[in-house]
N, C-alpha and C. Protein backbone atom coordinates (compact mmCIF):
# COMPACT_ATOMS: atom_id res chain seq x y z
N UNK A 1 34.20 130.81 93.11
CA UNK A 1 32.76 130.60 93.29
C UNK A 1 31.90 131.50 94.40
N UNK A 2 31.16 132.21 93.87
CA UNK A 2 30.43 133.04 94.95
C UNK A 2 29.35 132.31 95.92
N UNK A 3 29.43 133.03 97.12
CA UNK A 3 28.55 132.17 98.36
C UNK A 3 27.47 132.06 97.59
N UNK A 4 26.79 132.73 96.78
CA UNK A 4 25.18 132.41 96.23
C UNK A 4 25.32 131.04 95.55
N UNK A 5 26.49 130.55 95.21
CA UNK A 5 26.30 129.22 94.13
C UNK A 5 26.95 127.97 94.84
N UNK A 6 27.25 128.17 96.03
CA UNK A 6 27.73 127.00 96.87
C UNK A 6 26.49 126.26 97.02
N UNK A 7 26.45 124.56 96.58
CA UNK A 7 25.46 123.87 96.77
C UNK A 7 24.96 123.67 98.03
N UNK A 8 23.61 123.75 98.21
CA UNK A 8 22.99 123.63 99.77
C UNK A 8 21.74 122.68 99.25
N UNK A 9 21.16 122.26 100.56
CA UNK A 9 20.00 121.43 100.48
C UNK A 9 19.13 121.90 101.41
N UNK A 10 17.95 121.76 101.08
CA UNK A 10 16.77 122.66 101.98
C UNK A 10 16.45 121.49 102.99
N UNK A 11 15.67 121.90 103.90
CA UNK A 11 15.23 121.23 104.85
C UNK A 11 14.40 119.93 104.27
N UNK A 12 13.73 120.11 103.40
CA UNK A 12 13.10 119.22 102.63
C UNK A 12 13.66 118.28 101.89
N UNK A 13 15.13 118.33 101.66
CA UNK A 13 15.76 117.44 100.80
C UNK A 13 16.02 117.95 99.57
N UNK A 14 15.84 119.11 98.93
CA UNK A 14 15.84 119.73 97.76
C UNK A 14 17.11 120.49 97.53
N UNK A 15 17.97 120.02 96.40
CA UNK A 15 19.03 120.64 96.05
C UNK A 15 18.96 122.19 95.67
N UNK A 16 19.65 123.00 95.98
CA UNK A 16 19.53 124.45 95.72
C UNK A 16 20.70 125.01 95.97
N UNK A 17 20.83 126.49 95.56
CA UNK A 17 21.86 127.29 96.24
C UNK A 17 21.32 128.52 96.55
N UNK A 18 21.84 129.36 97.29
CA UNK A 18 21.26 130.72 97.88
C UNK A 18 20.44 131.59 96.80
N UNK A 19 21.44 131.41 95.50
CA UNK A 19 20.69 132.48 94.28
C UNK A 19 19.50 131.81 93.95
N UNK A 20 19.31 130.36 93.94
CA UNK A 20 18.00 129.76 93.62
C UNK A 20 17.04 129.88 94.64
N UNK A 21 17.43 129.73 95.86
CA UNK A 21 16.55 129.80 96.97
C UNK A 21 15.92 131.33 97.26
N UNK A 22 16.85 132.36 97.21
CA UNK A 22 16.27 133.77 97.57
C UNK A 22 16.45 134.75 96.58
N UNK A 23 17.06 134.20 95.36
CA UNK A 23 17.30 135.37 94.17
C UNK A 23 18.40 136.18 94.74
N UNK A 24 18.59 137.20 94.41
CA UNK A 24 19.60 138.40 94.72
C UNK A 24 19.06 139.07 95.99
N UNK A 25 18.41 138.61 97.01
CA UNK A 25 18.15 139.30 98.09
C UNK A 25 19.33 139.15 99.09
N UNK A 26 19.25 140.29 99.91
CA UNK A 26 20.43 140.46 100.95
C UNK A 26 19.93 139.33 101.93
N UNK A 27 20.95 138.43 102.46
CA UNK A 27 20.56 137.24 103.36
C UNK A 27 21.23 137.52 104.58
N UNK A 28 20.62 137.05 105.74
CA UNK A 28 20.85 136.82 106.92
C UNK A 28 21.11 135.46 107.21
N UNK A 29 22.10 134.64 106.97
CA UNK A 29 22.29 133.44 107.47
C UNK A 29 22.43 133.10 108.87
N UNK A 30 21.80 132.44 109.56
CA UNK A 30 21.61 132.12 110.98
C UNK A 30 21.71 130.51 111.20
N UNK A 31 22.75 130.09 112.07
CA UNK A 31 22.91 128.71 112.30
C UNK A 31 21.83 128.59 113.81
N UNK A 32 20.79 127.71 113.47
CA UNK A 32 19.74 127.71 114.57
C UNK A 32 19.58 126.40 115.15
N UNK A 33 19.03 126.66 116.35
CA UNK A 33 18.63 125.17 117.40
C UNK A 33 17.50 125.45 117.95
N UNK A 34 16.72 124.45 117.98
CA UNK A 34 15.50 124.54 118.83
C UNK A 34 15.50 124.33 120.25
N UNK A 35 16.40 123.79 120.88
CA UNK A 35 16.72 123.52 122.30
C UNK A 35 17.46 124.40 122.88
N UNK A 36 17.80 125.50 122.52
CA UNK A 36 18.86 126.40 123.01
C UNK A 36 18.19 127.57 123.63
N UNK A 37 19.13 128.06 124.63
CA UNK A 37 18.55 129.24 125.65
C UNK A 37 18.50 130.50 124.52
N UNK A 38 18.90 130.43 123.48
CA UNK A 38 19.02 131.65 122.42
C UNK A 38 17.77 131.38 121.46
N UNK A 39 16.96 130.21 121.66
CA UNK A 39 15.92 129.92 120.56
C UNK A 39 14.96 131.05 120.42
N UNK A 40 14.53 131.58 121.31
CA UNK A 40 13.62 132.73 121.45
C UNK A 40 14.05 133.83 120.22
N UNK A 41 15.30 133.76 119.96
CA UNK A 41 15.62 134.64 118.91
C UNK A 41 14.93 134.43 117.57
N UNK A 42 14.27 133.20 117.39
CA UNK A 42 13.46 132.97 116.19
C UNK A 42 12.51 134.24 116.01
N UNK A 43 11.81 134.37 117.09
CA UNK A 43 10.78 135.51 117.06
C UNK A 43 11.35 137.00 116.54
N UNK A 44 12.63 137.16 116.73
CA UNK A 44 13.08 138.47 116.22
C UNK A 44 13.39 138.24 114.69
N UNK A 45 13.72 137.04 114.33
CA UNK A 45 14.24 136.70 112.94
C UNK A 45 13.02 136.54 112.09
N UNK A 46 12.05 136.17 112.51
CA UNK A 46 10.58 136.42 111.94
C UNK A 46 10.04 137.83 111.91
N UNK A 47 10.34 138.39 112.71
CA UNK A 47 10.01 140.16 112.72
C UNK A 47 10.85 140.90 111.66
N UNK A 48 12.18 140.50 111.55
CA UNK A 48 13.20 140.77 110.45
C UNK A 48 12.62 140.63 109.14
N UNK A 49 12.17 138.97 108.96
CA UNK A 49 11.77 138.90 107.80
C UNK A 49 10.45 139.45 107.27
N UNK A 50 9.39 139.66 108.39
CA UNK A 50 8.25 140.57 107.97
C UNK A 50 8.46 142.02 107.51
N UNK A 51 9.52 142.61 108.29
CA UNK A 51 9.89 143.81 108.08
C UNK A 51 10.51 144.29 106.98
N UNK A 52 11.60 143.48 106.43
CA UNK A 52 12.45 143.66 105.75
C UNK A 52 12.36 142.57 104.34
N UNK A 53 11.50 141.81 104.31
CA UNK A 53 11.17 140.80 103.22
C UNK A 53 10.85 141.41 102.05
N UNK A 54 9.70 142.33 102.14
CA UNK A 54 9.27 142.78 100.85
C UNK A 54 10.28 143.82 100.39
N UNK A 55 11.39 144.23 100.95
CA UNK A 55 12.38 145.20 100.23
C UNK A 55 13.49 144.54 99.92
N UNK A 56 13.52 143.03 99.65
CA UNK A 56 14.37 142.49 99.06
C UNK A 56 15.60 141.42 100.14
N UNK A 57 15.00 141.09 101.18
CA UNK A 57 15.77 140.51 102.23
C UNK A 57 14.99 139.10 102.55
N UNK A 58 15.99 138.23 103.11
CA UNK A 58 15.72 136.84 103.43
C UNK A 58 16.43 136.40 104.66
N UNK A 59 15.75 136.07 105.78
CA UNK A 59 16.54 135.37 106.64
C UNK A 59 16.69 133.72 106.18
N UNK A 60 17.85 132.95 106.29
CA UNK A 60 17.99 131.53 105.84
C UNK A 60 18.37 130.86 107.17
N UNK A 61 17.68 130.03 107.60
CA UNK A 61 18.08 129.11 108.89
C UNK A 61 18.63 128.04 108.53
N UNK A 62 19.80 127.64 109.42
CA UNK A 62 20.89 126.51 109.16
C UNK A 62 20.73 125.44 110.33
N UNK A 63 19.81 124.73 110.42
CA UNK A 63 19.78 124.15 111.67
C UNK A 63 21.31 123.21 112.21
N UNK A 64 21.73 123.22 113.09
CA UNK A 64 22.96 122.74 113.25
C UNK A 64 22.76 122.10 115.09
N UNK A 65 23.34 120.85 115.12
CA UNK A 65 23.52 120.05 116.28
C UNK A 65 24.84 119.91 117.00
N UNK A 66 25.67 120.85 116.41
CA UNK A 66 27.01 120.76 116.84
C UNK A 66 27.22 121.34 118.46
N UNK A 67 26.41 122.00 118.95
CA UNK A 67 26.59 122.61 120.27
C UNK A 67 25.81 122.24 121.27
N UNK A 68 26.19 121.13 122.04
CA UNK A 68 25.50 120.50 123.14
C UNK A 68 24.09 119.72 122.60
N UNK A 69 24.24 119.42 121.40
CA UNK A 69 23.04 118.47 120.71
C UNK A 69 21.83 119.38 120.94
N UNK A 70 21.67 120.59 120.80
CA UNK A 70 20.66 121.36 120.95
C UNK A 70 19.57 121.60 119.55
N UNK A 71 19.92 120.77 118.39
CA UNK A 71 19.25 120.74 117.39
C UNK A 71 19.06 119.09 117.06
N UNK A 72 18.36 118.23 118.00
CA UNK A 72 18.47 116.92 118.01
C UNK A 72 17.42 116.40 116.86
N UNK A 73 16.53 117.06 116.45
CA UNK A 73 15.38 116.63 115.80
C UNK A 73 15.34 116.27 114.19
N UNK A 74 14.51 115.51 113.47
CA UNK A 74 14.68 114.99 112.36
C UNK A 74 14.25 116.57 111.34
N UNK A 75 14.38 116.44 110.38
CA UNK A 75 13.75 117.67 109.56
C UNK A 75 12.39 117.98 109.69
N UNK A 76 11.67 116.84 109.76
CA UNK A 76 10.08 116.98 110.05
C UNK A 76 9.87 117.86 111.30
N UNK A 77 10.54 117.43 112.22
CA UNK A 77 10.40 117.76 113.65
C UNK A 77 11.03 119.30 113.51
N UNK A 78 11.95 119.48 113.09
CA UNK A 78 12.33 120.91 113.13
C UNK A 78 11.62 121.82 112.38
N UNK A 79 11.07 121.32 111.03
CA UNK A 79 9.99 122.36 110.50
C UNK A 79 8.76 122.45 111.37
N UNK A 80 8.32 121.44 111.87
CA UNK A 80 6.93 121.58 112.68
C UNK A 80 7.16 122.39 114.07
N UNK A 81 8.56 122.43 114.45
CA UNK A 81 8.53 123.04 115.76
C UNK A 81 8.80 124.72 115.31
N UNK A 82 9.67 124.89 114.31
CA UNK A 82 9.91 126.29 113.82
C UNK A 82 8.41 127.00 113.41
N UNK A 83 7.57 126.20 112.51
CA UNK A 83 6.37 126.86 111.99
C UNK A 83 5.20 126.91 113.21
N UNK A 84 5.19 125.87 113.95
CA UNK A 84 4.03 126.08 115.13
C UNK A 84 4.46 127.04 116.17
N UNK A 85 5.47 127.00 116.44
CA UNK A 85 6.12 127.66 117.73
C UNK A 85 6.35 129.03 117.66
N UNK A 86 7.03 129.44 116.30
CA UNK A 86 7.31 130.74 115.79
C UNK A 86 6.92 131.26 114.86
N UNK A 87 6.27 130.55 114.06
CA UNK A 87 5.67 131.09 112.68
C UNK A 87 6.61 131.13 111.68
N UNK A 88 7.77 130.53 111.74
CA UNK A 88 8.81 130.69 110.73
C UNK A 88 8.40 130.43 109.50
N UNK A 89 8.43 131.45 108.60
CA UNK A 89 8.20 131.39 107.04
C UNK A 89 9.39 131.65 106.37
N UNK A 90 10.54 131.73 106.84
CA UNK A 90 11.74 131.83 106.04
C UNK A 90 12.35 130.62 105.64
N UNK A 91 13.18 130.43 104.73
CA UNK A 91 13.75 129.18 104.17
C UNK A 91 14.67 128.62 105.29
N UNK A 92 14.45 127.39 105.48
CA UNK A 92 15.58 126.43 106.30
C UNK A 92 16.13 125.61 105.44
N UNK A 93 17.53 125.58 105.84
CA UNK A 93 18.23 124.39 105.08
C UNK A 93 18.37 123.30 106.03
N UNK A 94 19.06 122.19 105.33
CA UNK A 94 19.16 121.03 106.03
C UNK A 94 20.09 121.05 107.32
N UNK A 95 20.03 120.29 108.21
CA UNK A 95 21.20 120.31 109.37
C UNK A 95 22.58 120.27 108.86
N UNK A 96 23.21 121.17 109.30
CA UNK A 96 24.80 121.02 108.90
C UNK A 96 25.71 121.33 110.05
N UNK A 97 26.86 120.92 109.76
CA UNK A 97 28.01 121.20 110.76
C UNK A 97 28.61 122.75 110.10
N UNK A 98 28.80 123.38 111.22
CA UNK A 98 29.27 124.76 110.94
C UNK A 98 30.84 124.94 111.18
N UNK A 99 31.28 124.06 112.10
CA UNK A 99 32.63 123.97 112.70
C UNK A 99 33.32 122.38 112.33
N UNK A 100 34.41 122.54 112.31
CA UNK A 100 35.04 120.94 112.26
C UNK A 100 35.44 120.21 110.96
N UNK A 101 35.60 119.16 111.18
CA UNK A 101 35.99 118.30 110.03
C UNK A 101 34.97 118.18 109.09
N UNK A 102 33.78 118.14 109.40
CA UNK A 102 32.63 118.07 108.50
C UNK A 102 31.77 119.35 108.12
N UNK A 103 32.51 120.50 108.31
CA UNK A 103 31.96 121.78 108.17
C UNK A 103 31.40 121.95 106.98
N UNK A 104 30.13 122.52 106.63
CA UNK A 104 29.54 122.81 105.33
C UNK A 104 30.46 123.68 104.64
N UNK A 105 30.76 123.48 103.29
CA UNK A 105 31.51 124.27 102.59
C UNK A 105 31.13 125.83 102.49
N UNK A 106 29.88 126.21 102.95
CA UNK A 106 29.29 127.54 102.81
C UNK A 106 30.19 128.02 104.07
N UNK A 107 29.99 127.25 105.26
CA UNK A 107 30.67 127.96 106.55
C UNK A 107 32.37 127.98 106.45
N UNK A 108 32.95 127.26 105.46
CA UNK A 108 34.30 127.64 105.27
C UNK A 108 34.95 128.80 105.03
N UNK A 109 33.97 129.47 104.17
CA UNK A 109 34.20 130.88 103.76
C UNK A 109 33.58 131.94 104.96
N UNK A 110 32.40 131.46 105.40
CA UNK A 110 31.68 132.56 106.46
C UNK A 110 32.85 132.57 107.39
N UNK A 111 33.30 131.67 108.08
CA UNK A 111 34.09 131.90 109.31
C UNK A 111 35.43 132.56 109.30
N UNK A 112 35.77 132.96 107.87
CA UNK A 112 36.74 133.71 107.63
C UNK A 112 36.62 135.35 107.81
N UNK A 113 35.17 135.43 107.95
CA UNK A 113 34.90 137.02 108.20
C UNK A 113 35.06 137.41 109.73
N UNK A 114 35.57 138.35 110.01
CA UNK A 114 35.78 138.98 111.38
C UNK A 114 34.41 139.45 111.91
N UNK A 115 34.38 139.64 113.23
CA UNK A 115 33.04 140.12 113.72
C UNK A 115 33.41 141.62 114.12
N UNK A 116 32.60 142.11 114.71
CA UNK A 116 32.62 143.77 115.06
C UNK A 116 34.02 144.03 115.95
N UNK A 117 34.46 142.84 116.68
CA UNK A 117 35.72 143.19 117.54
C UNK A 117 37.11 142.51 116.68
N UNK A 118 36.99 142.17 115.36
CA UNK A 118 37.97 141.84 114.66
C UNK A 118 38.35 140.32 114.97
N UNK A 119 37.42 139.54 115.31
CA UNK A 119 37.68 138.10 115.54
C UNK A 119 37.37 137.33 114.48
N UNK A 120 37.79 136.47 113.74
CA UNK A 120 37.26 135.52 112.93
C UNK A 120 37.40 134.25 113.38
N UNK A 121 37.21 133.14 112.57
CA UNK A 121 37.43 131.67 113.21
C UNK A 121 36.10 131.24 113.60
N UNK A 122 35.96 129.93 114.14
CA UNK A 122 35.01 129.14 114.28
C UNK A 122 33.61 129.71 114.95
N UNK A 123 32.43 129.39 114.55
CA UNK A 123 31.27 129.77 114.98
C UNK A 123 31.15 129.55 116.50
N UNK A 124 30.86 130.46 117.45
CA UNK A 124 30.91 130.41 118.72
C UNK A 124 29.90 129.45 119.34
N UNK A 125 28.45 129.61 118.76
CA UNK A 125 27.32 128.93 119.19
C UNK A 125 26.09 129.01 118.41
N UNK A 126 25.07 128.39 118.76
CA UNK A 126 23.81 128.79 117.89
C UNK A 126 23.36 130.21 117.74
N UNK A 127 23.01 130.58 116.72
CA UNK A 127 22.38 131.75 116.25
C UNK A 127 23.37 132.80 116.00
N UNK A 128 24.67 132.27 115.62
CA UNK A 128 25.54 133.25 115.15
C UNK A 128 25.09 133.63 113.57
N UNK A 129 25.17 134.99 113.26
CA UNK A 129 24.64 135.50 112.31
C UNK A 129 25.52 136.06 111.19
N UNK A 130 25.51 135.69 109.80
CA UNK A 130 26.24 136.35 108.82
C UNK A 130 25.37 137.00 107.91
N UNK A 131 25.82 138.19 107.39
CA UNK A 131 24.88 139.17 106.49
C UNK A 131 25.38 139.00 105.00
N UNK A 132 24.86 138.72 104.32
CA UNK A 132 25.36 138.54 102.70
C UNK A 132 24.60 139.51 101.76
N UNK A 133 25.56 140.31 101.20
CA UNK A 133 24.91 141.31 100.31
C UNK A 133 24.54 140.67 99.01
N UNK A 134 23.95 141.32 98.18
CA UNK A 134 23.40 141.03 97.09
C UNK A 134 24.41 140.37 95.87
N UNK A 135 25.52 140.78 96.40
CA UNK A 135 26.61 140.22 95.29
C UNK A 135 27.16 139.08 95.86
N UNK A 136 26.75 138.46 96.91
CA UNK A 136 27.28 137.19 97.61
C UNK A 136 28.35 137.48 98.49
N UNK A 137 28.85 138.58 98.78
CA UNK A 137 29.91 139.04 99.61
C UNK A 137 29.40 138.98 100.91
N UNK A 138 30.15 138.47 102.24
CA UNK A 138 29.75 138.65 103.54
C UNK A 138 29.97 140.16 104.02
N UNK A 139 28.84 140.72 104.38
CA UNK A 139 28.85 142.24 104.76
C UNK A 139 29.07 142.28 106.20
N UNK A 140 28.92 141.34 107.00
CA UNK A 140 28.92 141.42 108.48
C UNK A 140 28.60 140.15 109.04
N UNK A 141 29.25 140.11 110.51
CA UNK A 141 29.19 138.82 111.09
C UNK A 141 28.50 139.30 112.54
N UNK A 142 27.76 138.60 113.02
CA UNK A 142 26.98 139.07 114.49
C UNK A 142 27.09 137.69 115.38
N UNK A 143 27.70 137.83 116.12
CA UNK A 143 27.88 136.66 117.42
C UNK A 143 26.52 136.45 117.88
N UNK A 144 26.46 135.13 118.46
CA UNK A 144 25.15 134.76 118.90
C UNK A 144 24.17 135.61 119.82
N UNK A 145 25.01 136.30 120.69
CA UNK A 145 24.34 137.24 121.78
C UNK A 145 23.76 138.50 121.15
N UNK A 146 24.05 138.77 119.72
CA UNK A 146 23.47 140.06 119.20
C UNK A 146 22.00 139.63 118.67
N UNK A 147 21.25 140.04 119.14
CA UNK A 147 19.91 139.58 119.00
C UNK A 147 19.48 140.40 117.55
N UNK A 148 18.24 139.58 117.06
CA UNK A 148 17.88 140.28 115.51
C UNK A 148 17.52 141.86 115.69
N UNK A 149 17.12 142.24 116.89
CA UNK A 149 16.73 143.47 116.99
C UNK A 149 17.84 144.56 117.23
N UNK A 150 19.04 143.97 117.30
CA UNK A 150 20.16 144.72 117.74
C UNK A 150 20.40 145.97 116.77
N UNK A 151 20.92 147.05 117.33
CA UNK A 151 21.03 148.31 116.29
C UNK A 151 21.83 148.09 115.24
N UNK A 152 22.94 147.68 115.65
CA UNK A 152 23.99 147.15 114.68
C UNK A 152 23.60 146.38 113.44
N UNK A 153 22.87 145.30 113.97
CA UNK A 153 22.44 144.40 112.63
C UNK A 153 21.39 144.98 111.96
N UNK A 154 20.19 145.72 112.51
CA UNK A 154 19.44 146.33 111.70
C UNK A 154 20.12 147.56 110.95
N UNK A 155 21.01 148.02 111.04
CA UNK A 155 21.23 149.21 110.51
C UNK A 155 22.29 148.63 109.48
N UNK A 156 22.95 147.53 109.44
CA UNK A 156 23.73 146.59 108.48
C UNK A 156 22.83 146.35 107.47
N UNK A 157 21.79 145.72 107.93
CA UNK A 157 20.52 145.29 106.87
C UNK A 157 19.96 146.49 106.14
N UNK A 158 19.73 147.58 106.66
CA UNK A 158 19.15 148.77 106.10
C UNK A 158 20.17 149.47 105.11
N UNK A 159 21.27 149.31 105.40
CA UNK A 159 22.59 149.83 104.48
C UNK A 159 22.64 148.98 103.29
N UNK A 160 22.14 147.76 103.22
CA UNK A 160 22.44 146.80 102.04
C UNK A 160 20.90 146.87 101.17
N UNK A 161 19.76 147.38 101.89
CA UNK A 161 18.74 147.30 100.96
C UNK A 161 18.21 148.66 100.07
């Protein structure tokens, strides 16, 4: 099964897949949190969406509360925070575990992808990024401290568009 066909749920509770949610766009899948030191990365993610969305790209956020409880809100609270604080207009999925016993099936595949240093395995923290090409293959993994405006990330996005 392609990553594009893994069953997902939107923040509003609707069943979907990446294919249904964003079509054949290049996707930057990011586990997000509202109360993290990296939360300001939302601004950069919104900018990526604005810059590359018209060319067939979409950010998709996956709220996650596994890292020091930094995403404790309800779906409504998360949506409200993201839209009013950062102007998020990209899709947000339902809160999910990215590591551990209850790891979302999407992340079981994603974490097998090595980062730029060749390390695979568990998601390290909030705002880890996975770039997925139009065919549903993981084209890159960027650790949490790699910001949305990092040259390596931007170059990878541009190479897929």
